[in-house]
Structures are given as structure tokens and as C-alpha cells.
Protein backbone atom coordinates (compact mmCIF):
# COMPACT_ATOMS: atom_id res chain seq x y z
CA MET A 1 0.17 0.07 -0.09
CA LYS A 2 2.98 2.40 1.01
CA ASP A 3 4.56 1.58 -2.58
CA VAL A 4 1.11 2.36 -4.42
CA ARG A 5 0.73 5.62 -2.46
CA LYS A 6 4.18 6.69 -3.60
CA LEU A 7 3.82 5.63 -7.23
CA THR A 8 0.50 7.74 -7.13
CA GLU A 9 2.03 10.69 -5.65
CA GLY A 10 4.69 10.49 -8.17
CA ALA A 11 2.32 10.26 -11.00
CA VAL A 12 0.47 13.33 -9.82
CA SER A 13 3.70 15.23 -9.13
CA LEU A 14 4.74 14.44 -12.82
CA ALA A 15 1.53 15.40 -14.27
CA ALA A 16 1.67 18.78 -12.27
CA PHE A 17 5.34 19.26 -13.61
CA ALA A 18 4.10 18.47 -17.10
CA ALA A 19 1.39 21.23 -16.96
CA LEU A 20 3.92 23.73 -15.70
CA LEU A 21 6.37 22.85 -18.41
CA LEU A 22 3.47 23.13 -21.36
CA LEU A 23 2.55 26.65 -20.14
CA THR A 24 6.36 27.76 -19.58
CA ILE A 25 7.13 26.58 -23.34
CA TYR A 26 4.01 27.60 -25.09
CA VAL A 27 2.74 30.55 -23.41
CA PRO A 28 5.96 32.81 -23.27
CA ILE A 29 4.52 35.64 -21.14
CA LEU A 30 3.13 33.35 -18.53
CA GLY A 31 6.18 31.05 -18.81
CA SER A 32 8.60 33.67 -17.95
CA PHE A 33 6.98 33.77 -14.21
CA LEU A 34 6.07 29.83 -14.21
CA ASN A 35 9.80 28.70 -15.02
CA LEU A 36 10.61 29.57 -11.44
CA VAL A 37 7.99 27.22 -10.09
CA LEU A 38 8.99 24.45 -12.17
CA PRO A 39 11.29 22.95 -9.30
CA LEU A 40 8.09 22.68 -7.12
CA PRO A 41 6.99 19.22 -7.88
CA PHE A 42 10.91 18.04 -7.55
CA ILE A 43 10.83 19.76 -3.90
CA LEU A 44 7.84 18.08 -2.86
CA PHE A 45 8.81 14.61 -3.97
CA SER A 46 12.57 15.03 -3.02
CA PHE A 47 11.62 15.97 0.69
CA LYS A 48 9.32 12.94 1.19
CA ASN A 49 11.71 10.07 -0.50
CA ASN A 50 14.90 8.63 -0.46
CA LEU A 51 17.61 8.84 -3.30
CA LYS A 52 16.66 5.83 -5.07
CA LEU A 53 13.08 6.96 -5.55
CA ILE A 54 14.32 10.34 -6.42
CA ALA A 55 16.43 9.07 -8.99
CA ALA A 56 13.41 7.22 -10.65
CA TYR A 57 11.28 10.23 -10.35
CA PHE A 58 14.04 12.35 -12.20
CA LEU A 59 14.53 9.59 -14.94
CA ALA A 60 10.66 9.62 -15.58
CA ALA A 61 10.65 13.36 -15.41
CA ILE A 62 13.17 13.53 -18.62
CA PHE A 63 10.76 11.07 -20.58
CA ILE A 64 7.65 13.37 -19.77
CA SER A 65 9.70 16.37 -20.58
CA PHE A 66 10.56 15.09 -24.01
CA ILE A 67 7.24 14.27 -24.92
CA ALA A 68 5.77 17.46 -23.61
CA GLY A 69 8.58 19.85 -25.12
CA SER A 70 11.02 17.85 -27.02
CA LEU A 71 14.75 18.91 -26.34
CA MET A 72 13.58 22.17 -25.13
CA GLY A 73 11.65 20.59 -22.46
CA VAL A 74 14.37 18.14 -21.48
CA GLY A 75 16.68 21.25 -21.02
CA LEU A 76 14.32 23.09 -18.85
CA MET A 77 13.65 19.99 -16.65
CA LEU A 78 17.31 19.17 -16.38
CA VAL A 79 17.97 22.70 -15.07
CA TYR A 80 15.13 23.32 -12.83
CA GLY A 81 14.56 19.77 -11.90
CA SER A 82 18.00 19.51 -10.68
CA VAL A 83 17.49 22.50 -8.58
CA GLY A 84 14.25 21.21 -7.23
CA VAL A 85 16.00 17.87 -6.17
CA VAL A 86 18.61 19.65 -4.53
CA ILE A 87 16.23 22.00 -2.57
CA GLY A 88 13.99 19.19 -1.59
CA TYR A 89 16.68 16.87 -0.29
CA LEU A 90 18.53 19.46 1.60
CA LEU A 91 15.06 20.34 3.23
CA GLN A 92 14.79 16.74 4.19
CA LYS A 93 18.10 16.70 6.12
CA GLY A 94 17.17 20.00 7.87
CA LYS A 95 19.66 22.51 6.14
CA SER A 96 19.39 26.06 6.70
CA ARG A 97 17.92 28.43 3.99
CA THR A 98 21.25 30.06 3.53
CA PHE A 99 22.98 26.79 2.70
CA ILE A 100 20.05 25.87 0.57
CA LEU A 101 20.40 29.13 -1.42
CA ILE A 102 23.95 28.58 -2.08
CA ALA A 103 23.65 24.98 -3.27
CA SER A 104 20.66 25.80 -5.50
CA SER A 105 22.76 28.67 -6.86
CA LEU A 106 25.67 26.38 -7.76
CA THR A 107 23.17 24.14 -9.10
CA PHE A 108 21.54 26.89 -11.18
CA MET A 109 25.06 28.25 -12.18
CA VAL A 110 26.20 24.44 -13.70
CA GLY A 111 22.79 24.10 -15.38
CA LEU A 112 23.07 27.49 -17.06
CA VAL A 113 26.58 26.88 -18.20
CA ILE A 114 25.84 23.39 -19.56
CA THR A 115 22.81 24.87 -21.27
CA TYR A 116 24.84 27.61 -22.96
CA ALA A 117 27.54 25.31 -24.11
CA VAL A 118 25.15 22.71 -25.59
CA MET A 119 23.06 25.76 -27.62
CA VAL A 120 26.31 26.93 -28.68
CA ALA A 121 27.85 23.46 -29.86
CA PHE A 122 24.86 21.79 -31.12
CA LEU A 123 22.08 24.58 -31.61
CA LYS A 124 24.52 27.12 -33.03
CA MET A 125 22.83 29.70 -30.73
CA ASP A 126 25.01 32.08 -28.92
CA ILE A 127 23.04 34.47 -26.71
CA ILE A 128 26.11 36.83 -26.39
CA HIS A 129 26.26 36.71 -30.10
CA GLU A 130 22.81 37.50 -30.65
CA LEU A 131 22.83 40.57 -27.93
CA THR A 132 25.67 42.12 -29.98
CA VAL A 133 23.91 41.81 -33.33
CA ALA A 134 20.72 43.46 -31.60
CA LEU A 135 22.73 46.05 -30.16
CA ASN A 136 24.29 46.78 -33.43
CA GLU A 137 21.22 46.95 -35.35
CA SER A 138 19.73 49.20 -32.67
CA VAL A 139 22.82 51.51 -33.23
CA LYS A 140 22.26 51.61 -36.93
CA ASN A 141 18.61 52.68 -36.57
CA SER A 142 19.49 55.32 -34.19
CA GLU A 143 22.14 56.57 -36.60
CA ASP A 144 19.47 56.90 -39.34
CA ILE A 145 17.49 58.92 -36.90
CA LEU A 146 20.22 61.23 -35.82
CA LYS A 147 21.04 61.84 -39.93
CA THR A 148 17.32 62.65 -40.30
CA MET A 149 17.48 65.14 -37.35
CA GLY A 150 20.72 66.84 -38.41
CA LYS A 151 22.87 65.51 -35.65
CA GLY A 152 25.26 63.44 -37.57
CA ASP A 153 28.14 64.37 -35.32
CA GLN A 154 26.74 62.44 -32.39
CA ILE A 155 27.09 59.19 -34.30
CA SER A 156 30.77 58.45 -33.45
CA GLN A 157 30.01 59.15 -29.81
CA LEU A 158 27.05 56.85 -29.92
CA LYS A 159 29.08 54.15 -31.64
CA GLU A 160 31.64 54.41 -28.98
CA GLN A 161 29.14 54.04 -26.31
CA ASN A 162 27.66 50.95 -27.85
CA ALA A 163 31.04 49.41 -28.33
CA ASN A 164 31.92 50.09 -24.38
CA VAL A 165 28.51 48.44 -23.64
CA LEU A 166 29.39 45.37 -25.68
CA LYS A 167 32.90 45.08 -23.93
CA MET A 168 31.40 45.37 -20.55
CA ILE A 169 28.79 42.65 -21.09
CA LYS A 170 31.50 40.32 -22.62
CA THR A 171 33.83 41.12 -19.77
CA LEU A 172 31.42 40.80 -16.94
CA ALA A 173 29.55 37.75 -18.26
CA PRO A 174 30.91 35.55 -15.39
CA SER A 175 29.55 37.99 -12.83
CA ILE A 176 26.23 38.18 -14.52
CA LEU A 177 26.02 34.45 -14.67
CA ILE A 178 26.66 34.15 -10.69
CA LEU A 179 24.11 37.16 -9.88
CA VAL A 180 21.66 35.38 -12.32
CA SER A 181 22.03 32.17 -10.51
CA ILE A 182 21.88 33.59 -6.78
CA LEU A 183 18.61 35.82 -8.08
CA SER A 184 16.90 32.79 -9.77
CA ALA A 185 17.57 30.30 -6.53
CA PHE A 186 16.29 33.31 -4.21
CA VAL A 187 12.98 33.91 -6.13
CA THR A 188 12.56 30.15 -6.68
CA GLN A 189 12.52 30.01 -2.85
CA LEU A 190 10.35 32.96 -2.46
CA LEU A 191 7.80 31.42 -4.50
CA CYS A 192 7.90 27.85 -3.95
CA PHE A 193 8.38 27.47 -0.29
CA PRO A 194 4.95 28.96 0.79
CA ILE A 195 3.33 26.54 -1.47
CA ALA A 196 5.45 23.75 -0.28
CA LYS A 197 4.82 24.40 3.32
CA ARG A 198 0.96 23.80 2.83
CA PHE A 199 1.95 19.96 1.69
CA GLY A 200 3.70 19.52 4.80
CA VAL A 201 7.36 20.47 4.01
CA LYS A 202 9.17 21.88 6.93
CA VAL A 203 11.32 25.03 5.93
CA GLN A 204 13.34 26.97 8.46
CA PRO A 205 13.07 30.80 8.83
CA TRP A 206 15.36 33.13 7.22
CA GLY A 207 17.96 34.82 9.62
CA SER A 208 17.33 38.59 9.80
CA LEU A 209 19.38 40.67 7.43
CA LYS A 210 20.29 42.98 10.29
CA ASN A 211 22.27 40.24 11.98
CA LEU A 212 24.57 39.46 8.84
CA SER A 213 28.23 39.93 9.36
CA LEU A 214 30.39 38.96 6.62
CA PRO A 215 34.10 37.83 7.40
CA ARG A 216 36.69 40.44 7.42
CA SER A 217 38.68 38.54 4.83
CA LEU A 218 36.17 39.41 2.44
CA LEU A 219 37.70 43.09 2.74
CA TRP A 220 41.27 42.03 2.10
CA TYR A 221 40.05 40.15 -0.92
CA TYR A 222 38.61 43.21 -2.16
CA LEU A 223 41.71 45.37 -1.61
CA ILE A 224 43.89 42.78 -3.22
CA ALA A 225 41.78 42.80 -6.32
CA ILE A 226 41.85 46.59 -6.45
CA GLY A 227 45.63 46.61 -5.59
CA ALA A 228 46.30 43.98 -8.38
CA ASN A 229 44.31 45.95 -10.92
CA ILE A 230 46.41 49.20 -10.12
CA LEU A 231 49.84 47.53 -9.88
CA ILE A 232 49.69 44.90 -12.56
CA HIS A 233 47.06 47.09 -14.68
CA PRO A 234 46.59 44.10 -17.22
CA ASP A 235 45.40 44.94 -20.69
CA GLU A 236 41.71 44.60 -21.56
CA GLY A 237 40.54 41.36 -23.03
CA THR A 238 43.14 39.35 -21.23
CA TYR A 239 42.26 36.52 -18.83
CA LEU A 240 44.02 38.25 -15.86
CA TYR A 241 41.82 41.53 -16.46
CA THR A 242 38.54 39.63 -16.70
CA VAL A 243 39.28 37.67 -13.75
CA LEU A 244 40.21 40.83 -11.70
CA ILE A 245 37.19 42.97 -13.03
CA ASN A 246 34.81 40.15 -12.18
CA ALA A 247 36.26 39.57 -8.58
CA ARG A 248 35.88 43.11 -8.02
CA TYR A 249 32.27 43.33 -9.09
CA ILE A 250 31.22 40.37 -7.00
CA LEU A 251 33.13 41.48 -4.03
CA GLU A 252 31.43 44.73 -4.32
CA MET A 253 27.75 43.42 -4.13
CA PHE A 254 28.70 41.72 -1.08
CA LEU A 255 29.95 44.62 0.60
CA VAL A 256 26.58 46.70 -0.47
CA LEU A 257 24.95 43.67 1.18
CA GLN A 258 27.05 44.12 4.32
CA GLY A 259 26.31 48.13 4.05
CA LEU A 260 22.69 47.42 3.83
CA SER A 261 22.68 44.95 6.74
CA PHE A 262 24.64 47.56 8.98
CA LEU A 263 21.81 49.95 7.83
CA PHE A 264 19.20 47.49 8.80
CA TYR A 265 20.67 47.02 12.40
CA PHE A 266 20.84 51.08 12.70
CA PHE A 267 17.19 51.45 11.72
CA HIS A 268 16.13 48.52 14.07
CA GLN A 269 18.01 50.29 17.01
CA ARG A 270 16.32 53.53 16.02
CA SER A 271 12.93 52.04 15.48
CA VAL A 272 12.88 53.48 11.70
CA ALA A 273 9.54 52.79 9.54
CA LYS A 274 10.12 49.35 7.35
CA GLY A 275 9.04 51.35 4.30
CA PHE A 276 12.30 53.61 4.63
CA ARG A 277 14.20 50.30 4.40
CA VAL A 278 12.71 49.36 1.22
CA LEU A 279 13.34 52.74 -0.39
CA VAL A 280 17.10 52.43 0.77
CA VAL A 281 17.36 49.11 -0.87
CA ILE A 282 16.01 50.19 -4.23
CA LEU A 283 18.23 53.18 -4.12
CA ALA A 284 21.21 51.25 -3.41
CA PHE A 285 20.70 49.25 -6.50
CA MET A 286 19.27 52.04 -8.77
CA VAL A 287 21.10 55.21 -7.92
CA PRO A 288 24.89 54.71 -8.54
CA ILE A 289 25.91 57.61 -5.65
CA PHE A 290 23.82 55.76 -3.20
CA HIS A 291 25.37 52.27 -4.21
CA TYR A 292 28.92 53.53 -3.65
CA ILE A 293 27.97 55.07 -0.09
CA ILE A 294 26.34 52.14 1.12
CA MET A 295 29.20 50.00 -0.13
CA ILE A 296 31.61 52.41 1.79
CA ILE A 297 29.47 51.70 4.91
CA GLY A 298 29.90 47.87 4.41
CA ILE A 299 33.46 48.38 3.88
CA THR A 300 33.85 50.44 7.28
CA ASP A 301 31.22 48.14 9.19
CA ILE A 302 33.66 45.04 8.26
CA GLY A 303 36.72 46.80 9.32
CA PHE A 304 35.65 48.53 12.36
CA ASP A 305 32.73 46.38 13.51
CA PHE A 306 30.31 49.37 14.47
CA ARG A 307 27.70 47.14 15.97
CA LYS A 308 29.87 46.37 19.19
CA ARG A 309 30.37 50.19 19.59
CA PHE A 310 26.62 50.67 19.37
CA GLU A 311 26.01 47.91 21.98
CA LYS A 312 28.81 49.51 24.28
CA GLN A 313 27.01 52.70 24.06
CA GLU A 314 23.74 51.28 24.91
């Protein structure tokens, strides 16, 4: 009876996944939101079953995905299904939300890299190349508009700006991949966990952002990245240049996060309205000057541990 129940649950779960997959593939606008819910059936099944049954479920999902969406369906299933299995199994083991976020982000990252490699090698589809072509076409259209308006002198400036944008995209591709993976894993948790809780999945709560304290070694890594860039000054396009730029960009994101953590701690101590905290987060990522101010706050908080000073004053 127990095996029959598990088979029934697996079949229902696979049917739900197939429905979500069909909507994701054939209803593009809706699919852009539903794709991050694709891991949900895998989370529910993996939370309640052992590795042997999870493997069987995963293989069955590959077959169902091929029927529902051909190779595209299999590709989506392998990425989102793997993420769902990792999340569900780690929830079964009682791991923290932070640990699950890191593991699922890495799974997303590996899945995206493999998908990109397959698209380039077998389907001859290069997203970066397509983006380059689209931007160049946009520049050509803009050139025609400028000529019509009698502002032909601005064309060279427009071309230079476009070249800089393309160069920056290619250089920061690894950082963009990491940030997209982390954001996708976070939104997946945000969407799937409330539903999973209704089906009896035990999910640990998030720790408060105001209590986040990143290691001081992070500051040293950032200083080393900046120092190496100034002293060595590698040529653009070289491997070392790409590594240093991406390392600096990622470390800056962590320092901004540390700055927001300190501000949230300060706002909590001073009973500042939560709406103001949301405004600060938006400004941190939308307005460059605020971004760098908060990053500096993060640097000084890691270096001088302002929270201990506040605790002593109190």
C-alpha cells in the first residue's frame, strides 16, 4: 500500500510538472514567471522520499519532458528539476535557508553553463552573439534617426558608447551568470516555499538581514583585487583582466549587502519605519551614488565593527 501511494504521488506530481512545463514553453509571457515554479514538484517529491526513488522520479521526468516539449522541455527539466531535487533533499536533511540558497545557486549556475555550451555547440545559438547583433542593429537605426534630425556629429559618440557596453557585457559575463543564478535561486525559494509548506514541507525561517556579518577576509580580498588591478594594470581582454574585474564586481555586491545589513541594524535600533528600509534597498541598486555610499558603509562596518560600538554605548 505504501509503494502504491508513493507511485500515485509521483504520477500526480509529474502530471503537475508536465502542465507547468507546457505553459512555460507555449505561453511565453506566463512562462517567464512560471519557469521559477518548475522546481516545486521536485521539491515536494524529494522532501518525502529517498535517493533511489528520487532518481527514478528524475528519469521519469526526463521522459515526460521530452514528450511535452522535445529537447527544449528536457533542457528546462534538467536545470529546474536538478534545482528542485537539491532543494527538496536538503530540506529533508534540515539544512538552513542560507545553505540551501548557496547549493541551489551553484546548481543553477552549472545548469546554465551546460545549457549555454549545448546551445552554442549543437544548436548554433550564442546568446551573447545575438545580443551583440541586436545592439548593433539598434545603433544603425539610431544613426538613421540622428542623420534625419541633422545631428550626424553624435554618431561617433553613439558608436563608442555601444562598443563600451558590448565590451562590458562580455567582460562581466561570469559575474552576471553568478548574480542571475543567485537571484533565480532566491526567487525560486520565495515562490515555492510558501506552497511547499502547505503540503507539509518543513522550511526553516530566514535569518534577519540586520544580523548578517560577513568575514573580515572579504575586505582583504577586495583590497587585493583593487591593488592588483592598479599595480599590474592588465590589458583589456586578457584573462587576468577578466578575473580581476569580475572579482571586484562580485566583492562589491557583497560589500553593498554588508552595508545594507548595518543600515538595517541601525534602523532597527532607532525604530525606523520598514518602508524607509525598502526605499534604501531600491536606491542602493538603482542610484550609483547611493550604491557606492552603502558600499563604503559596508567596508567600514567590516573593518571597524560598528555594531559592537553601538552595543557598548547602549
